[in-house]
Amino acid sequence: MQTPHFKGIKAFVLIALACTICSKTFAQTKPATTTASSTTVKAPAAVVTGPTILIEKFFKSYDKESTTKAMMDIFKTNPLIDSNSLVKLITKIDTTRSIIGAYTGKELIVQRKASNSLILYSYLVKHQNQPLRFTFMFYKPKNDWVIYRLYFDDSISSELEQSAKITGKP
């Protein structure tokens, strides 16, 4: 049989434990804010912190250092990356950058979550002469997010034009 004093201590410990767990959960789920130029933009409510931190680091290196540094940093998360494919992708991006001018910023186009372990972010990447689109896909096999796919293209303007055409279908 438990004494009233023991029941009181047990209840206090359980309440303290519940408060600690709830406060840690809340701290991990606050929406992040990102700064675009001089305006502050709130991130979507369903932000997944691991991938967004990796993306922010990617764009900081892409802007301040080099494409190579940005790519090497983000692909460090994936031990299965083929180095030859990575070098080709870096070369392709650098060639494109030399034609379209300096990087001037980024804007989130869309975020899609297939599950709690697979998420996609698509960004409009602004350059002096023309925009690009970078699409990041992240996978979480266990506890940590890894870059699963990274695509870039310059067809976003033609897709936007195409979407404005009359198709004849209701």
N, C-alpha and C. Protein backbone atom coordinates (compact mmCIF):
# COMPACT_ATOMS: atom_id res chain seq x y z
N MET A 1 0.83 -1.18 0.00
CA MET A 1 0.00 0.00 0.00
C MET A 1 0.87 1.24 0.00
N GLN A 2 0.49 2.24 -0.84
CA GLN A 2 1.27 3.45 -0.95
C GLN A 2 0.80 4.48 0.06
N THR A 3 1.76 5.22 0.59
CA THR A 3 1.42 6.28 1.54
C THR A 3 0.97 7.51 0.76
N PRO A 4 0.15 8.39 1.36
CA PRO A 4 -0.30 9.61 0.68
C PRO A 4 0.88 10.47 0.25
N HIS A 5 1.95 10.48 1.08
CA HIS A 5 3.13 11.28 0.74
C HIS A 5 3.78 10.77 -0.56
N PHE A 6 3.89 9.44 -0.71
CA PHE A 6 4.48 8.84 -1.91
C PHE A 6 3.64 9.14 -3.15
N LYS A 7 2.29 9.08 -3.01
CA LYS A 7 1.40 9.38 -4.13
C LYS A 7 1.59 10.82 -4.60
N GLY A 8 1.75 11.74 -3.67
CA GLY A 8 1.95 13.15 -4.00
C GLY A 8 3.25 13.38 -4.76
N ILE A 9 4.31 12.74 -4.32
CA ILE A 9 5.62 12.87 -5.00
C ILE A 9 5.54 12.26 -6.39
N LYS A 10 4.89 11.11 -6.50
CA LYS A 10 4.74 10.43 -7.79
C LYS A 10 3.98 11.32 -8.77
N ALA A 11 2.89 11.94 -8.33
CA ALA A 11 2.09 12.83 -9.18
C ALA A 11 2.92 14.04 -9.60
N PHE A 12 3.68 14.60 -8.67
CA PHE A 12 4.51 15.76 -8.98
C PHE A 12 5.56 15.41 -10.05
N VAL A 13 6.22 14.28 -9.90
CA VAL A 13 7.24 13.83 -10.86
C VAL A 13 6.62 13.62 -12.24
N LEU A 14 5.46 13.01 -12.31
CA LEU A 14 4.79 12.78 -13.59
C LEU A 14 4.41 14.10 -14.26
N ILE A 15 3.91 15.04 -13.50
CA ILE A 15 3.54 16.35 -14.07
C ILE A 15 4.79 17.09 -14.56
N ALA A 16 5.85 17.07 -13.77
CA ALA A 16 7.10 17.73 -14.17
C ALA A 16 7.64 17.10 -15.45
N LEU A 17 7.61 15.78 -15.54
CA LEU A 17 8.08 15.07 -16.73
C LEU A 17 7.24 15.44 -17.96
N ALA A 18 5.92 15.48 -17.79
CA ALA A 18 5.03 15.84 -18.90
C ALA A 18 5.29 17.26 -19.36
N CYS A 19 5.50 18.19 -18.44
CA CYS A 19 5.79 19.58 -18.81
C CYS A 19 7.11 19.68 -19.57
N THR A 20 8.11 18.95 -19.14
CA THR A 20 9.41 18.96 -19.81
C THR A 20 9.29 18.44 -21.23
N ILE A 21 8.60 17.34 -21.41
CA ILE A 21 8.42 16.76 -22.75
C ILE A 21 7.65 17.72 -23.63
N CYS A 22 6.58 18.31 -23.15
CA CYS A 22 5.77 19.23 -23.94
C CYS A 22 6.56 20.46 -24.33
N SER A 23 7.37 21.01 -23.42
CA SER A 23 8.13 22.22 -23.74
C SER A 23 9.18 21.92 -24.79
N LYS A 24 9.80 20.74 -24.74
CA LYS A 24 10.79 20.38 -25.76
C LYS A 24 10.12 20.16 -27.10
N THR A 25 8.98 19.56 -27.13
CA THR A 25 8.25 19.35 -28.37
C THR A 25 7.87 20.68 -28.99
N PHE A 26 7.37 21.61 -28.18
CA PHE A 26 6.99 22.92 -28.68
C PHE A 26 8.19 23.66 -29.23
N ALA A 27 9.33 23.59 -28.56
CA ALA A 27 10.52 24.29 -29.00
C ALA A 27 11.00 23.77 -30.35
N GLN A 28 10.76 22.51 -30.64
CA GLN A 28 11.23 21.94 -31.89
C GLN A 28 10.27 22.18 -33.04
N THR A 29 9.06 22.63 -32.78
CA THR A 29 8.10 22.78 -33.86
C THR A 29 7.74 24.22 -34.17
N LYS A 30 8.46 25.20 -33.61
CA LYS A 30 8.18 26.59 -33.94
C LYS A 30 8.50 26.82 -35.41
N PRO A 31 7.65 27.56 -36.14
CA PRO A 31 7.95 27.87 -37.53
C PRO A 31 9.18 28.76 -37.62
N ALA A 32 10.04 28.46 -38.57
CA ALA A 32 11.24 29.25 -38.77
C ALA A 32 10.92 30.48 -39.60
N THR A 33 11.77 31.48 -39.50
CA THR A 33 11.61 32.65 -40.36
C THR A 33 12.86 32.79 -41.20
N THR A 34 12.67 33.20 -42.43
CA THR A 34 13.79 33.42 -43.32
C THR A 34 13.75 34.85 -43.81
N THR A 35 14.91 35.39 -44.12
CA THR A 35 14.96 36.76 -44.59
C THR A 35 15.25 36.76 -46.07
N ALA A 36 14.39 37.40 -46.83
CA ALA A 36 14.58 37.56 -48.26
C ALA A 36 14.78 39.04 -48.49
N SER A 37 15.97 39.44 -48.95
CA SER A 37 16.36 40.84 -49.11
C SER A 37 16.20 41.53 -47.77
N SER A 38 15.30 42.54 -47.71
CA SER A 38 15.13 43.26 -46.45
C SER A 38 13.80 42.93 -45.78
N THR A 39 13.01 42.02 -46.36
CA THR A 39 11.74 41.67 -45.76
C THR A 39 11.84 40.32 -45.09
N THR A 40 11.11 40.15 -44.02
CA THR A 40 11.09 38.88 -43.32
C THR A 40 9.85 38.12 -43.75
N VAL A 41 10.05 36.86 -44.13
CA VAL A 41 8.96 36.02 -44.61
C VAL A 41 8.84 34.83 -43.67
N LYS A 42 7.65 34.57 -43.16
CA LYS A 42 7.44 33.40 -42.29
C LYS A 42 7.40 32.15 -43.16
N ALA A 43 8.05 31.13 -42.69
CA ALA A 43 8.05 29.85 -43.39
C ALA A 43 6.69 29.18 -43.19
N PRO A 44 6.35 28.21 -44.06
CA PRO A 44 5.08 27.50 -43.91
C PRO A 44 4.99 26.83 -42.54
N ALA A 45 3.78 26.61 -42.09
CA ALA A 45 3.54 26.05 -40.76
C ALA A 45 4.13 24.65 -40.61
N ALA A 46 4.21 23.90 -41.68
CA ALA A 46 4.67 22.51 -41.60
C ALA A 46 6.16 22.38 -41.92
N VAL A 47 6.96 23.31 -41.47
CA VAL A 47 8.39 23.30 -41.76
C VAL A 47 9.05 22.11 -41.08
N VAL A 48 9.89 21.44 -41.81
CA VAL A 48 10.69 20.35 -41.27
C VAL A 48 12.08 20.92 -41.09
N THR A 49 12.55 21.03 -39.86
CA THR A 49 13.75 21.80 -39.58
C THR A 49 15.03 21.26 -40.20
N GLY A 50 15.26 19.97 -40.22
CA GLY A 50 16.49 19.43 -40.80
C GLY A 50 16.72 19.86 -42.23
N PRO A 51 15.77 19.60 -43.13
CA PRO A 51 15.94 20.01 -44.52
C PRO A 51 16.06 21.52 -44.70
N THR A 52 15.30 22.30 -43.96
CA THR A 52 15.37 23.76 -44.15
C THR A 52 16.72 24.31 -43.72
N ILE A 53 17.31 23.73 -42.69
CA ILE A 53 18.65 24.16 -42.27
C ILE A 53 19.66 23.82 -43.36
N LEU A 54 19.56 22.62 -43.94
CA LEU A 54 20.47 22.23 -45.01
C LEU A 54 20.30 23.13 -46.23
N ILE A 55 19.07 23.48 -46.56
CA ILE A 55 18.81 24.35 -47.72
C ILE A 55 19.36 25.75 -47.47
N GLU A 56 19.14 26.29 -46.28
CA GLU A 56 19.67 27.62 -45.97
C GLU A 56 21.20 27.64 -46.06
N LYS A 57 21.84 26.61 -45.55
CA LYS A 57 23.30 26.51 -45.63
C LYS A 57 23.74 26.40 -47.10
N PHE A 58 22.98 25.63 -47.88
CA PHE A 58 23.28 25.48 -49.31
C PHE A 58 23.27 26.84 -49.99
N PHE A 59 22.20 27.61 -49.81
CA PHE A 59 22.09 28.89 -50.50
C PHE A 59 23.08 29.93 -49.98
N LYS A 60 23.45 29.84 -48.72
CA LYS A 60 24.47 30.76 -48.20
C LYS A 60 25.80 30.49 -48.89
N SER A 61 26.18 29.21 -49.01
CA SER A 61 27.42 28.86 -49.72
C SER A 61 27.32 29.18 -51.21
N TYR A 62 26.16 28.93 -51.81
CA TYR A 62 25.92 29.20 -53.24
C TYR A 62 26.13 30.69 -53.52
N ASP A 63 25.70 31.53 -52.59
CA ASP A 63 25.83 32.98 -52.74
C ASP A 63 27.23 33.48 -52.40
N LYS A 64 27.73 33.13 -51.23
CA LYS A 64 28.96 33.73 -50.71
C LYS A 64 30.24 33.00 -51.10
N GLU A 65 30.15 31.70 -51.38
CA GLU A 65 31.37 30.95 -51.66
C GLU A 65 31.38 30.42 -53.10
N SER A 66 30.80 29.24 -53.33
CA SER A 66 30.80 28.66 -54.67
C SER A 66 29.76 27.56 -54.78
N THR A 67 29.45 27.22 -56.01
CA THR A 67 28.55 26.10 -56.27
C THR A 67 29.14 24.82 -55.70
N THR A 68 30.44 24.64 -55.89
CA THR A 68 31.11 23.44 -55.42
C THR A 68 30.96 23.28 -53.91
N LYS A 69 31.21 24.34 -53.15
CA LYS A 69 31.09 24.28 -51.68
C LYS A 69 29.65 23.96 -51.29
N ALA A 70 28.69 24.62 -51.92
CA ALA A 70 27.28 24.39 -51.61
C ALA A 70 26.90 22.93 -51.87
N MET A 71 27.30 22.41 -53.01
CA MET A 71 26.96 21.04 -53.37
C MET A 71 27.66 20.01 -52.48
N MET A 72 28.94 20.26 -52.20
CA MET A 72 29.67 19.32 -51.35
C MET A 72 29.07 19.27 -49.94
N ASP A 73 28.68 20.43 -49.42
CA ASP A 73 28.10 20.47 -48.07
C ASP A 73 26.78 19.71 -48.00
N ILE A 74 25.90 19.93 -48.96
CA ILE A 74 24.58 19.28 -48.89
C ILE A 74 24.68 17.78 -49.18
N PHE A 75 25.60 17.41 -50.06
CA PHE A 75 25.72 15.98 -50.39
C PHE A 75 26.58 15.20 -49.39
N LYS A 76 27.17 15.87 -48.41
CA LYS A 76 27.85 15.16 -47.32
C LYS A 76 26.87 14.30 -46.55
N THR A 77 25.59 14.66 -46.61
CA THR A 77 24.57 13.92 -45.87
C THR A 77 24.26 12.57 -46.51
N ASN A 78 24.66 12.38 -47.76
CA ASN A 78 24.32 11.16 -48.49
C ASN A 78 25.59 10.42 -48.90
N PRO A 79 25.93 9.34 -48.21
CA PRO A 79 27.15 8.61 -48.51
C PRO A 79 27.11 7.86 -49.85
N LEU A 80 25.95 7.75 -50.45
CA LEU A 80 25.83 6.98 -51.70
C LEU A 80 25.98 7.82 -52.96
N ILE A 81 26.29 9.10 -52.82
CA ILE A 81 26.37 9.97 -53.99
C ILE A 81 27.55 9.55 -54.88
N ASP A 82 27.28 9.53 -56.17
CA ASP A 82 28.30 9.22 -57.16
C ASP A 82 29.09 10.50 -57.45
N SER A 83 30.37 10.49 -57.17
CA SER A 83 31.19 11.71 -57.30
C SER A 83 31.26 12.20 -58.74
N ASN A 84 31.26 11.30 -59.72
CA ASN A 84 31.29 11.73 -61.13
C ASN A 84 30.02 12.49 -61.50
N SER A 85 28.89 12.00 -61.05
CA SER A 85 27.62 12.68 -61.31
C SER A 85 27.59 14.04 -60.63
N LEU A 86 28.13 14.11 -59.42
CA LEU A 86 28.16 15.37 -58.69
C LEU A 86 29.03 16.40 -59.40
N VAL A 87 30.18 15.99 -59.89
CA VAL A 87 31.07 16.90 -60.62
C VAL A 87 30.39 17.41 -61.88
N LYS A 88 29.68 16.54 -62.60
CA LYS A 88 28.96 16.95 -63.80
C LYS A 88 27.87 17.96 -63.47
N LEU A 89 27.14 17.73 -62.39
CA LEU A 89 26.08 18.64 -61.98
C LEU A 89 26.66 20.01 -61.59
N ILE A 90 27.74 20.02 -60.85
CA ILE A 90 28.40 21.27 -60.46
C ILE A 90 28.85 22.04 -61.69
N THR A 91 29.46 21.36 -62.64
CA THR A 91 29.93 21.99 -63.88
C THR A 91 28.76 22.59 -64.65
N LYS A 92 27.67 21.85 -64.74
CA LYS A 92 26.48 22.32 -65.45
C LYS A 92 25.90 23.58 -64.79
N ILE A 93 25.82 23.57 -63.47
CA ILE A 93 25.29 24.73 -62.75
C ILE A 93 26.22 25.93 -62.92
N ASP A 94 27.53 25.72 -62.78
CA ASP A 94 28.48 26.83 -62.94
C ASP A 94 28.46 27.42 -64.34
N THR A 95 28.32 26.57 -65.35
CA THR A 95 28.21 27.06 -66.73
C THR A 95 26.97 27.92 -66.88
N THR A 96 25.86 27.46 -66.34
CA THR A 96 24.60 28.22 -66.40
C THR A 96 24.74 29.54 -65.65
N ARG A 97 25.34 29.50 -64.47
CA ARG A 97 25.53 30.73 -63.67
C ARG A 97 26.36 31.77 -64.41
N SER A 98 27.35 31.32 -65.16
CA SER A 98 28.20 32.28 -65.88
C SER A 98 27.41 33.00 -66.98
N ILE A 99 26.34 32.40 -67.45
CA ILE A 99 25.51 33.00 -68.51
C ILE A 99 24.41 33.88 -67.93
N ILE A 100 23.79 33.46 -66.83
CA ILE A 100 22.60 34.16 -66.33
C ILE A 100 22.89 35.22 -65.27
N GLY A 101 24.13 35.41 -64.93
CA GLY A 101 24.49 36.50 -64.03
C GLY A 101 24.50 36.11 -62.57
N ALA A 102 24.72 37.11 -61.75
CA ALA A 102 24.90 36.93 -60.31
C ALA A 102 23.61 36.47 -59.62
N TYR A 103 23.80 35.70 -58.59
CA TYR A 103 22.70 35.24 -57.73
C TYR A 103 22.17 36.45 -56.96
N THR A 104 20.83 36.59 -56.92
CA THR A 104 20.23 37.73 -56.21
C THR A 104 19.25 37.32 -55.12
N GLY A 105 18.95 36.02 -54.99
CA GLY A 105 18.04 35.59 -53.94
C GLY A 105 17.27 34.34 -54.32
N LYS A 106 16.36 33.94 -53.43
CA LYS A 106 15.55 32.74 -53.64
C LYS A 106 14.17 32.94 -53.07
N GLU A 107 13.21 32.19 -53.60
CA GLU A 107 11.85 32.20 -53.08
C GLU A 107 11.31 30.77 -53.14
N LEU A 108 10.66 30.36 -52.07
CA LEU A 108 10.06 29.04 -52.03
C LEU A 108 8.86 29.00 -52.97
N ILE A 109 8.86 28.06 -53.89
CA ILE A 109 7.72 27.87 -54.81
C ILE A 109 6.71 26.93 -54.17
N VAL A 110 7.20 25.77 -53.76
CA VAL A 110 6.29 24.76 -53.19
C VAL A 110 7.06 23.83 -52.27
N GLN A 111 6.35 23.35 -51.27
CA GLN A 111 6.85 22.31 -50.38
C GLN A 111 5.84 21.19 -50.40
N ARG A 112 6.28 19.98 -50.65
CA ARG A 112 5.39 18.82 -50.65
C ARG A 112 5.95 17.77 -49.71
N LYS A 113 5.06 17.19 -48.93
CA LYS A 113 5.44 16.16 -47.98
C LYS A 113 4.71 14.88 -48.36
N ALA A 114 5.46 13.88 -48.81
CA ALA A 114 4.86 12.60 -49.16
C ALA A 114 4.57 11.79 -47.91
N SER A 115 5.44 11.93 -46.91
CA SER A 115 5.27 11.25 -45.63
C SER A 115 6.17 11.95 -44.62
N ASN A 116 6.26 11.42 -43.43
CA ASN A 116 7.16 12.00 -42.43
C ASN A 116 8.63 11.73 -42.75
N SER A 117 8.88 10.93 -43.80
CA SER A 117 10.25 10.57 -44.15
C SER A 117 10.67 11.00 -45.55
N LEU A 118 9.78 11.63 -46.31
CA LEU A 118 10.13 12.06 -47.66
C LEU A 118 9.47 13.41 -47.93
N ILE A 119 10.31 14.40 -48.25
CA ILE A 119 9.81 15.76 -48.43
C ILE A 119 10.54 16.44 -49.58
N LEU A 120 9.82 17.33 -50.27
CA LEU A 120 10.37 18.03 -51.43
C LEU A 120 10.19 19.54 -51.24
N TYR A 121 11.23 20.28 -51.60
CA TYR A 121 11.18 21.75 -51.62
C TYR A 121 11.60 22.21 -53.00
N SER A 122 10.83 23.12 -53.58
CA SER A 122 11.17 23.68 -54.88
C SER A 122 11.34 25.19 -54.71
N TYR A 123 12.45 25.73 -55.19
CA TYR A 123 12.77 27.15 -55.05
C TYR A 123 12.97 27.83 -56.39
N LEU A 124 12.48 29.05 -56.49
CA LEU A 124 12.82 29.95 -57.59
C LEU A 124 14.13 30.58 -57.16
N VAL A 125 15.16 30.38 -57.95
CA VAL A 125 16.48 30.91 -57.62
C VAL A 125 16.74 32.07 -58.58
N LYS A 126 16.77 33.26 -58.00
CA LYS A 126 16.85 34.48 -58.80
C LYS A 126 18.30 34.82 -59.13
N HIS A 127 18.52 35.08 -60.41
CA HIS A 127 19.82 35.54 -60.91
C HIS A 127 19.58 36.83 -61.67
N GLN A 128 20.64 37.54 -61.95
CA GLN A 128 20.54 38.86 -62.57
C GLN A 128 19.74 38.85 -63.87
N ASN A 129 19.93 37.85 -64.71
CA ASN A 129 19.30 37.84 -66.04
C ASN A 129 18.15 36.87 -66.21
N GLN A 130 18.06 35.86 -65.35
CA GLN A 130 17.05 34.82 -65.55
C GLN A 130 16.91 33.97 -64.30
N PRO A 131 15.70 33.48 -64.02
CA PRO A 131 15.53 32.59 -62.85
C PRO A 131 15.87 31.14 -63.18
N LEU A 132 16.22 30.41 -62.15
CA LEU A 132 16.37 28.96 -62.23
C LEU A 132 15.41 28.36 -61.21
N ARG A 133 15.25 27.05 -61.28
CA ARG A 133 14.49 26.34 -60.25
C ARG A 133 15.40 25.25 -59.68
N PHE A 134 15.48 25.23 -58.36
CA PHE A 134 16.18 24.15 -57.68
C PHE A 134 15.13 23.34 -56.93
N THR A 135 15.19 22.04 -57.08
CA THR A 135 14.27 21.14 -56.39
C THR A 135 15.10 20.19 -55.53
N PHE A 136 14.83 20.24 -54.23
CA PHE A 136 15.53 19.41 -53.26
C PHE A 136 14.55 18.35 -52.75
N MET A 137 14.98 17.10 -52.75
CA MET A 137 14.18 16.04 -52.16
C MET A 137 15.01 15.43 -51.04
N PHE A 138 14.40 15.35 -49.84
CA PHE A 138 15.08 14.81 -48.68
C PHE A 138 14.38 13.55 -48.20
N TYR A 139 15.20 12.63 -47.71
CA TYR A 139 14.71 11.35 -47.20
C TYR A 139 15.27 11.16 -45.80
N LYS A 140 14.46 10.60 -44.93
CA LYS A 140 14.87 10.34 -43.54
C LYS A 140 14.75 8.85 -43.27
N PRO A 141 15.83 8.07 -43.55
CA PRO A 141 15.75 6.62 -43.37
C PRO A 141 15.65 6.19 -41.91
N LYS A 142 16.28 6.94 -41.01
CA LYS A 142 16.19 6.64 -39.57
C LYS A 142 15.97 7.93 -38.81
N ASN A 143 17.05 8.53 -38.31
CA ASN A 143 16.92 9.73 -37.48
C ASN A 143 17.32 11.02 -38.18
N ASP A 144 18.15 10.94 -39.21
CA ASP A 144 18.68 12.13 -39.85
C ASP A 144 18.21 12.25 -41.29
N TRP A 145 18.01 13.51 -41.72
CA TRP A 145 17.63 13.78 -43.10
C TRP A 145 18.86 13.73 -43.99
N VAL A 146 18.69 13.15 -45.18
CA VAL A 146 19.75 13.13 -46.19
C VAL A 146 19.17 13.68 -47.49
N ILE A 147 20.04 14.31 -48.27
CA ILE A 147 19.60 14.76 -49.59
C ILE A 147 19.42 13.51 -50.44
N TYR A 148 18.26 13.38 -51.03
CA TYR A 148 17.94 12.20 -51.82
C TYR A 148 18.08 12.52 -53.31
N ARG A 149 17.57 13.67 -53.71
CA ARG A 149 17.67 14.14 -55.09
C ARG A 149 17.83 15.65 -55.07
N LEU A 150 18.56 16.18 -56.05
CA LEU A 150 18.66 17.61 -56.25
C LEU A 150 18.63 17.85 -57.76
N TYR A 151 17.65 18.64 -58.18
CA TYR A 151 17.50 18.96 -59.60
C TYR A 151 17.59 20.47 -59.77
N PHE A 152 18.04 20.90 -60.92
CA PHE A 152 17.92 22.30 -61.27
C PHE A 152 17.54 22.40 -62.73
N ASP A 153 16.78 23.42 -63.07
CA ASP A 153 16.38 23.64 -64.46
C ASP A 153 16.02 25.10 -64.66
N ASP A 154 15.89 25.47 -65.92
CA ASP A 154 15.51 26.85 -66.26
C ASP A 154 14.17 26.89 -67.00
N SER A 155 13.37 25.86 -66.85
CA SER A 155 12.11 25.78 -67.60
C SER A 155 10.90 26.31 -66.84
N ILE A 156 11.12 26.95 -65.72
CA ILE A 156 9.99 27.43 -64.93
C ILE A 156 9.19 28.49 -65.68
N SER A 157 9.85 29.36 -66.43
CA SER A 157 9.12 30.41 -67.17
C SER A 157 8.29 29.79 -68.29
N SER A 158 8.80 28.79 -68.98
CA SER A 158 8.02 28.16 -70.05
C SER A 158 6.85 27.35 -69.48
N GLU A 159 7.02 26.76 -68.30
CA GLU A 159 5.91 26.06 -67.64
C GLU A 159 4.82 27.03 -67.24
N LEU A 160 5.22 28.20 -66.77
CA LEU A 160 4.25 29.22 -66.40
C LEU A 160 3.48 29.71 -67.63
N GLU A 161 4.20 29.93 -68.73
CA GLU A 161 3.54 30.31 -69.99
C GLU A 161 2.57 29.24 -70.45
N GLN A 162 2.99 28.00 -70.41
CA GLN A 162 2.16 26.88 -70.83
C GLN A 162 0.88 26.80 -70.00
N SER A 163 0.99 27.07 -68.71
CA SER A 163 -0.18 26.98 -67.84
C SER A 163 -1.21 28.06 -68.14
N ALA A 164 -0.80 29.12 -68.85
CA ALA A 164 -1.71 30.21 -69.16
C ALA A 164 -2.45 29.99 -70.49
N LYS A 165 -2.07 28.97 -71.25
CA LYS A 165 -2.69 28.72 -72.55
C LYS A 165 -4.05 28.09 -72.40
N ILE A 166 -4.92 28.42 -73.33
CA ILE A 166 -6.25 27.81 -73.38
C ILE A 166 -6.12 26.43 -73.96
N THR A 167 -6.62 25.45 -73.25
CA THR A 167 -6.45 24.06 -73.68
C THR A 167 -7.71 23.51 -74.34
N GLY A 168 -8.82 24.20 -74.21
CA GLY A 168 -10.07 23.73 -74.78
C GLY A 168 -10.78 22.73 -73.91
N LYS A 169 -10.18 22.39 -72.78
CA LYS A 169 -10.81 21.45 -71.86
C LYS A 169 -11.42 22.23 -70.70
N PRO A 170 -12.62 21.86 -70.30
CA PRO A 170 -13.26 22.59 -69.19
C PRO A 170 -12.59 22.35 -67.87
